[in-house]
PDB file of N, CA and C in Angstrom:
ATOM      1  N   MET A   1     235.170  37.283 -34.037  1.00  0.00           N
ATOM      2  CA  MET A   1     236.374  37.089 -34.794  1.00  0.00           C
ATOM      3  C   MET A   1     237.301  36.139 -34.049  1.00  0.00           C
ATOM      4  N   THR A   2     237.973  35.297 -34.799  1.00  0.00           N
ATOM      5  CA  THR A   2     238.931  34.393 -34.186  1.00  0.00           C
ATOM      6  C   THR A   2     240.343  34.910 -34.379  1.00  0.00           C
ATOM      7  N   LYS A   3     241.157  34.644 -33.391  1.00  0.00           N
ATOM      8  CA  LYS A   3     242.550  35.057 -33.476  1.00  0.00           C
ATOM      9  C   LYS A   3     243.351  33.938 -34.133  1.00  0.00           C
ATOM     10  N   LYS A   4     244.180  34.287 -35.073  1.00  0.00           N
ATOM     11  CA  LYS A   4     245.031  33.298 -35.710  1.00  0.00           C
ATOM     12  C   LYS A   4     246.353  33.232 -34.962  1.00  0.00           C
ATOM     13  N   LYS A   5     246.792  32.008 -34.699  1.00  0.00           N
ATOM     14  CA  LYS A   5     248.043  31.810 -34.000  1.00  0.00           C
ATOM     15  C   LYS A   5     249.189  31.801 -35.005  1.00  0.00           C
ATOM     16  N   LYS A   6     250.249  32.464 -34.678  1.00  0.00           N
ATOM     17  CA  LYS A   6     251.405  32.471 -35.563  1.00  0.00           C
ATOM     18  C   LYS A   6     252.053  31.094 -35.552  1.00  0.00           C
ATOM     19  N   LYS A   7     252.481  30.621 -36.714  1.00  0.00           N
ATOM     20  CA  LYS A   7     253.082  29.301 -36.804  1.00  0.00           C
ATOM     21  C   LYS A   7     254.450  29.240 -36.135  1.00  0.00           C
ATOM     22  N   ASN A   8     255.129  30.348 -35.989  1.00  0.00           N
ATOM     23  CA  ASN A   8     256.463  30.341 -35.418  1.00  0.00           C
ATOM     24  C   ASN A   8     256.464  30.296 -33.892  1.00  0.00           C
ATOM     25  N   GLU A   9     255.321  30.492 -33.262  1.00  0.00           N
ATOM     26  CA  GLU A   9     255.245  30.465 -31.812  1.00  0.00           C
ATOM     27  C   GLU A   9     255.330  29.028 -31.317  1.00  0.00           C
ATOM     28  N   ASP A  10     256.151  28.818 -30.286  1.00  0.00           N
ATOM     29  CA  ASP A  10     256.216  27.504 -29.655  1.00  0.00           C
ATOM     30  C   ASP A  10     255.108  27.390 -28.629  1.00  0.00           C
ATOM     31  N   PRO A  11     254.446  26.237 -28.562  1.00  0.00           N
ATOM     32  CA  PRO A  11     253.382  26.076 -27.573  1.00  0.00           C
ATOM     33  C   PRO A  11     253.966  25.961 -26.171  1.00  0.00           C
ATOM     34  N   LYS A  12     253.152  26.257 -25.179  1.00  0.00           N
ATOM     35  CA  LYS A  12     253.571  26.095 -23.794  1.00  0.00           C
ATOM     36  C   LYS A  12     253.524  24.615 -23.463  1.00  0.00           C
ATOM     37  N   VAL A  13     254.628  24.098 -22.919  1.00  0.00           N
ATOM     38  CA  VAL A  13     254.700  22.683 -22.568  1.00  0.00           C
ATOM     39  C   VAL A  13     255.245  22.525 -21.158  1.00  0.00           C
ATOM     40  N   HIS A  14     255.059  21.348 -20.600  1.00  0.00           N
ATOM     41  CA  HIS A  14     255.610  21.004 -19.300  1.00  0.00           C
ATOM     42  C   HIS A  14     257.127  21.099 -19.383  1.00  0.00           C
ATOM     43  N   GLU A  15     257.775  21.488 -18.286  1.00  0.00           N
ATOM     44  CA  GLU A  15     259.230  21.698 -18.307  1.00  0.00           C
ATOM     45  C   GLU A  15     259.997  20.421 -18.666  1.00  0.00           C
ATOM     46  N   ASP A  16     259.445  19.236 -18.357  1.00  0.00           N
ATOM     47  CA  ASP A  16     260.100  17.974 -18.722  1.00  0.00           C
ATOM     48  C   ASP A  16     260.063  17.725 -20.219  1.00  0.00           C
ATOM     49  N   LEU A  17     259.141  18.389 -20.918  1.00  0.00           N
ATOM     50  CA  LEU A  17     259.002  18.197 -22.365  1.00  0.00           C
ATOM     51  C   LEU A  17     259.552  19.380 -23.156  1.00  0.00           C
ATOM     52  N   ASP A  18     260.363  20.189 -22.524  1.00  0.00           N
ATOM     53  CA  ASP A  18     260.933  21.343 -23.209  1.00  0.00           C
ATOM     54  C   ASP A  18     261.772  20.875 -24.399  1.00  0.00           C
ATOM     55  N   GLY A  19     261.508  21.422 -25.563  1.00  0.00           N
ATOM     56  CA  GLY A  19     262.212  21.037 -26.778  1.00  0.00           C
ATOM     57  C   GLY A  19     261.503  19.963 -27.574  1.00  0.00           C
ATOM     58  N   PHE A  20     260.329  19.553 -27.136  1.00  0.00           N
ATOM     59  CA  PHE A  20     259.570  18.507 -27.819  1.00  0.00           C
ATOM     60  C   PHE A  20     258.933  19.058 -29.084  1.00  0.00           C
ATOM     61  N   LYS A  21     259.182  18.411 -30.195  1.00  0.00           N
ATOM     62  CA  LYS A  21     258.605  18.798 -31.482  1.00  0.00           C
ATOM     63  C   LYS A  21     258.044  17.553 -32.173  1.00  0.00           C
ATOM     64  N   MET A  22     256.921  17.716 -32.845  1.00  0.00           N
ATOM     65  CA  MET A  22     256.341  16.645 -33.653  1.00  0.00           C
ATOM     66  C   MET A  22     256.031  17.202 -35.022  1.00  0.00           C
ATOM     67  N   ASP A  23     256.318  16.406 -36.034  1.00  0.00           N
ATOM     68  CA  ASP A  23     256.032  16.790 -37.408  1.00  0.00           C
ATOM     69  C   ASP A  23     255.383  15.621 -38.132  1.00  0.00           C
ATOM     70  N   ILE A  24     254.520  15.938 -39.080  1.00  0.00           N
ATOM     71  CA  ILE A  24     253.913  14.934 -39.943  1.00  0.00           C
ATOM     72  C   ILE A  24     254.314  15.264 -41.365  1.00  0.00           C
ATOM     73  N   ASN A  25     254.975  14.298 -42.023  1.00  0.00           N
ATOM     74  CA  ASN A  25     255.442  14.560 -43.384  1.00  0.00           C
ATOM     75  C   ASN A  25     254.329  14.327 -44.402  1.00  0.00           C
ATOM     76  N   SER A  26     254.654  14.477 -45.667  1.00  0.00           N
ATOM     77  CA  SER A  26     253.642  14.368 -46.721  1.00  0.00           C
ATOM     78  C   SER A  26     253.083  12.960 -46.875  1.00  0.00           C
ATOM     79  N   PHE A  27     253.782  11.956 -46.327  1.00  0.00           N
ATOM     80  CA  PHE A  27     253.301  10.575 -46.383  1.00  0.00           C
ATOM     81  C   PHE A  27     252.483  10.198 -45.156  1.00  0.00           C
ATOM     82  N   GLY A  28     252.316  11.132 -44.225  1.00  0.00           N
ATOM     83  CA  GLY A  28     251.547  10.875 -43.012  1.00  0.00           C
ATOM     84  C   GLY A  28     252.372  10.249 -41.904  1.00  0.00           C
ATOM     85  N   GLU A  29     253.682  10.196 -42.065  1.00  0.00           N
ATOM     86  CA  GLU A  29     254.549   9.628 -41.047  1.00  0.00           C
ATOM     87  C   GLU A  29     254.829  10.681 -39.968  1.00  0.00           C
ATOM     88  N   ILE A  30     254.779  10.243 -38.720  1.00  0.00           N
ATOM     89  CA  ILE A  30     255.004  11.146 -37.598  1.00  0.00           C
ATOM     90  C   ILE A  30     256.453  11.032 -37.158  1.00  0.00           C
ATOM     91  N   SER A  31     257.101  12.167 -37.032  1.00  0.00           N
ATOM     92  CA  SER A  31     258.458  12.192 -36.493  1.00  0.00           C
ATOM     93  C   SER A  31     258.467  13.077 -35.259  1.00  0.00           C
ATOM     94  N   SER A  32     259.296  12.711 -34.296  1.00  0.00           N
ATOM     95  CA  SER A  32     259.328  13.413 -33.024  1.00  0.00           C
ATOM     96  C   SER A  32     260.765  13.664 -32.604  1.00  0.00           C
ATOM     97  N   SER A  33     260.957  14.719 -31.819  1.00  0.00           N
ATOM     98  CA  SER A  33     262.285  15.017 -31.315  1.00  0.00           C
ATOM     99  C   SER A  33     262.618  14.184 -30.073  1.00  0.00           C
ATOM    100  N   PHE A  34     261.638  13.511 -29.480  1.00  0.00           N
ATOM    101  CA  PHE A  34     261.847  12.654 -28.317  1.00  0.00           C
ATOM    102  C   PHE A  34     261.569  11.212 -28.703  1.00  0.00           C
ATOM    103  N   SER A  35     262.213  10.290 -28.017  1.00  0.00           N
ATOM    104  CA  SER A  35     261.953   8.874 -28.258  1.00  0.00           C
ATOM    105  C   SER A  35     260.606   8.489 -27.641  1.00  0.00           C
ATOM    106  N   ILE A  36     260.030   7.443 -28.155  1.00  0.00           N
ATOM    107  CA  ILE A  36     258.750   6.946 -27.630  1.00  0.00           C
ATOM    108  C   ILE A  36     258.903   6.562 -26.159  1.00  0.00           C
ATOM    109  N   ASP A  37     260.041   5.981 -25.794  1.00  0.00           N
ATOM    110  CA  ASP A  37     260.263   5.582 -24.405  1.00  0.00           C
ATOM    111  C   ASP A  37     260.234   6.781 -23.463  1.00  0.00           C
ATOM    112  N   LYS A  38     260.828   7.885 -23.869  1.00  0.00           N
ATOM    113  CA  LYS A  38     260.837   9.080 -23.029  1.00  0.00           C
ATOM    114  C   LYS A  38     259.425   9.661 -22.901  1.00  0.00           C
ATOM    115  N   ILE A  39     258.667   9.652 -23.981  1.00  0.00           N
ATOM    116  CA  ILE A  39     257.283  10.141 -23.939  1.00  0.00           C
ATOM    117  C   ILE A  39     256.440   9.259 -23.033  1.00  0.00           C
ATOM    118  N   ASN A  40     256.569   7.932 -23.163  1.00  0.00           N
ATOM    119  CA  ASN A  40     255.814   7.003 -22.312  1.00  0.00           C
ATOM    120  C   ASN A  40     256.194   7.148 -20.849  1.00  0.00           C
ATOM    121  N   GLU A  41     257.468   7.350 -20.554  1.00  0.00           N
ATOM    122  CA  GLU A  41     257.907   7.551 -19.185  1.00  0.00           C
ATOM    123  C   GLU A  41     257.253   8.797 -18.588  1.00  0.00           C
ATOM    124  N   PHE A  42     257.210   9.880 -19.361  1.00  0.00           N
ATOM    125  CA  PHE A  42     256.557  11.106 -18.905  1.00  0.00           C
ATOM    126  C   PHE A  42     255.070  10.873 -18.652  1.00  0.00           C
ATOM    127  N   LEU A  43     254.387  10.200 -19.582  1.00  0.00           N
ATOM    128  CA  LEU A  43     252.950   9.949 -19.426  1.00  0.00           C
ATOM    129  C   LEU A  43     252.666   9.050 -18.232  1.00  0.00           C
ATOM    130  N   ASN A  44     253.471   8.016 -18.029  1.00  0.00           N
ATOM    131  CA  ASN A  44     253.263   7.122 -16.889  1.00  0.00           C
ATOM    132  C   ASN A  44     253.431   7.856 -15.567  1.00  0.00           C
ATOM    133  N   LYS A  45     254.337   8.805 -15.534  1.00  0.00           N
ATOM    134  CA  LYS A  45     254.610   9.553 -14.309  1.00  0.00           C
ATOM    135  C   LYS A  45     253.549  10.613 -14.038  1.00  0.00           C
ATOM    136  N   ASN A  46     252.977  11.211 -15.080  1.00  0.00           N
ATOM    137  CA  ASN A  46     252.132  12.405 -14.899  1.00  0.00           C
ATOM    138  C   ASN A  46     250.660  12.234 -15.230  1.00  0.00           C
ATOM    139  N   VAL A  47     250.269  11.117 -15.845  1.00  0.00           N
ATOM    140  CA  VAL A  47     248.876  10.955 -16.259  1.00  0.00           C
ATOM    141  C   VAL A  47     248.315   9.658 -15.679  1.00  0.00           C
ATOM    142  N   GLU A  48     247.158   9.765 -15.021  1.00  0.00           N
ATOM    143  CA  GLU A  48     246.497   8.587 -14.467  1.00  0.00           C
ATOM    144  C   GLU A  48     245.726   7.880 -15.579  1.00  0.00           C
ATOM    145  N   ASP A  49     245.874   6.565 -15.646  1.00  0.00           N
ATOM    146  CA  ASP A  49     245.170   5.781 -16.649  1.00  0.00           C
ATOM    147  C   ASP A  49     243.759   5.494 -16.136  1.00  0.00           C
ATOM    148  N   LYS A  50     242.771   6.111 -16.737  1.00  0.00           N
ATOM    149  CA  LYS A  50     241.392   5.997 -16.271  1.00  0.00           C
ATOM    150  C   LYS A  50     240.864   4.570 -16.375  1.00  0.00           C
ATOM    151  N   LYS A  51     241.345   3.798 -17.331  1.00  0.00           N
ATOM    152  CA  LYS A  51     240.872   2.426 -17.503  1.00  0.00           C
ATOM    153  C   LYS A  51     241.375   1.508 -16.396  1.00  0.00           C
ATOM    154  N   LEU A  52     242.503   1.841 -15.800  1.00  0.00           N
ATOM    155  CA  LEU A  52     243.109   0.963 -14.814  1.00  0.00           C
ATOM    156  C   LEU A  52     242.882   1.394 -13.372  1.00  0.00           C
ATOM    157  N   LYS A  53     242.300   2.560 -13.126  1.00  0.00           N
ATOM    158  CA  LYS A  53     242.224   3.071 -11.760  1.00  0.00           C
ATOM    159  C   LYS A  53     241.296   2.271 -10.859  1.00  0.00           C
ATOM    160  N   ASP A  54     240.287   1.576 -11.384  1.00  0.00           N
ATOM    161  CA  ASP A  54     239.339   0.841 -10.556  1.00  0.00           C
ATOM    162  C   ASP A  54     239.625  -0.654 -10.470  1.00  0.00           C
ATOM    163  N   ARG A  55     240.750  -1.095 -11.006  1.00  0.00           N
ATOM    164  CA  ARG A  55     241.064  -2.527 -10.981  1.00  0.00           C
ATOM    165  C   ARG A  55     241.615  -2.921  -9.621  1.00  0.00           C
ATOM    166  N   ASP A  56     241.018  -3.972  -9.033  1.00  0.00           N
ATOM    167  CA  ASP A  56     241.444  -4.438  -7.718  1.00  0.00           C
ATOM    168  C   ASP A  56     242.778  -5.168  -7.777  1.00  0.00           C
ATOM    169  N   ASP A  57     243.047  -5.910  -8.853  1.00  0.00           N
ATOM    170  CA  ASP A  57     244.277  -6.690  -8.921  1.00  0.00           C
ATOM    171  C   ASP A  57     245.518  -5.800  -8.981  1.00  0.00           C
ATOM    172  N   LEU A  58     245.418  -4.614  -9.536  1.00  0.00           N
ATOM    173  CA  LEU A  58     246.557  -3.695  -9.563  1.00  0.00           C
ATOM    174  C   LEU A  58     246.816  -3.111  -8.183  1.00  0.00           C
ATOM    175  N   ASP A  59     245.764  -2.877  -7.406  1.00  0.00           N
ATOM    176  CA  ASP A  59     245.918  -2.359  -6.056  1.00  0.00           C
ATOM    177  C   ASP A  59     246.629  -3.383  -5.182  1.00  0.00           C
ATOM    178  N   LEU A  60     246.326  -4.663  -5.354  1.00  0.00           N
ATOM    179  CA  LEU A  60     246.965  -5.698  -4.565  1.00  0.00           C
ATOM    180  C   LEU A  60     248.447  -5.780  -4.858  1.00  0.00           C
ATOM    181  N   LYS A  61     248.842  -5.625  -6.111  1.00  0.00           N
ATOM    182  CA  LYS A  61     250.261  -5.655  -6.469  1.00  0.00           C
ATOM    183  C   LYS A  61     250.985  -4.491  -5.827  1.00  0.00           C
ATOM    184  N   ASP A  62     250.371  -3.314  -5.816  1.00  0.00           N
ATOM    185  CA  ASP A  62     250.990  -2.145  -5.214  1.00  0.00           C
ATOM    186  C   ASP A  62     251.158  -2.327  -3.704  1.00  0.00           C
ATOM    187  N   LYS A  63     250.162  -2.922  -3.041  1.00  0.00           N
ATOM    188  CA  LYS A  63     250.241  -3.138  -1.597  1.00  0.00           C
ATOM    189  C   LYS A  63     251.324  -4.158  -1.270  1.00  0.00           C
ATOM    190  N   LYS A  64     251.486  -5.200  -2.095  1.00  0.00           N
ATOM    191  CA  LYS A  64     252.527  -6.201  -1.850  1.00  0.00           C
ATOM    192  C   LYS A  64     253.902  -5.601  -1.983  1.00  0.00           C
ATOM    193  N   LYS A  65     254.083  -4.689  -2.938  1.00  0.00           N
ATOM    194  CA  LYS A  65     255.384  -4.054  -3.117  1.00  0.00           C
ATOM    195  C   LYS A  65     255.737  -3.172  -1.925  1.00  0.00           C
ATOM    196  N   LYS A  66     254.732  -2.497  -1.370  1.00  0.00           N
ATOM    197  CA  LYS A  66     254.977  -1.566  -0.267  1.00  0.00           C
ATOM    198  C   LYS A  66     255.154  -2.290   1.059  1.00  0.00           C
ATOM    199  N   GLY A  67     254.416  -3.378   1.267  1.00  0.00           N
ATOM    200  CA  GLY A  67     254.395  -4.011   2.583  1.00  0.00           C
ATOM    201  C   GLY A  67     255.154  -5.252   2.728  1.00  0.00           C
TER     202      GLY A  67
END
């Protein structure tokens, strides 16, 4: 048997995303309680981009900034 989740329960989220809500209206448009810039800032800070992790040219830019 599967357990059904109540619709009124808020999902567990990272503390930086507290209050984040997303809705899809009848036309398929997505609305969010946070701006895209704030979401992107959170993702850039907390999620590693797998496509970019092995690029040598990005490592060189990081070393130049530090040294």
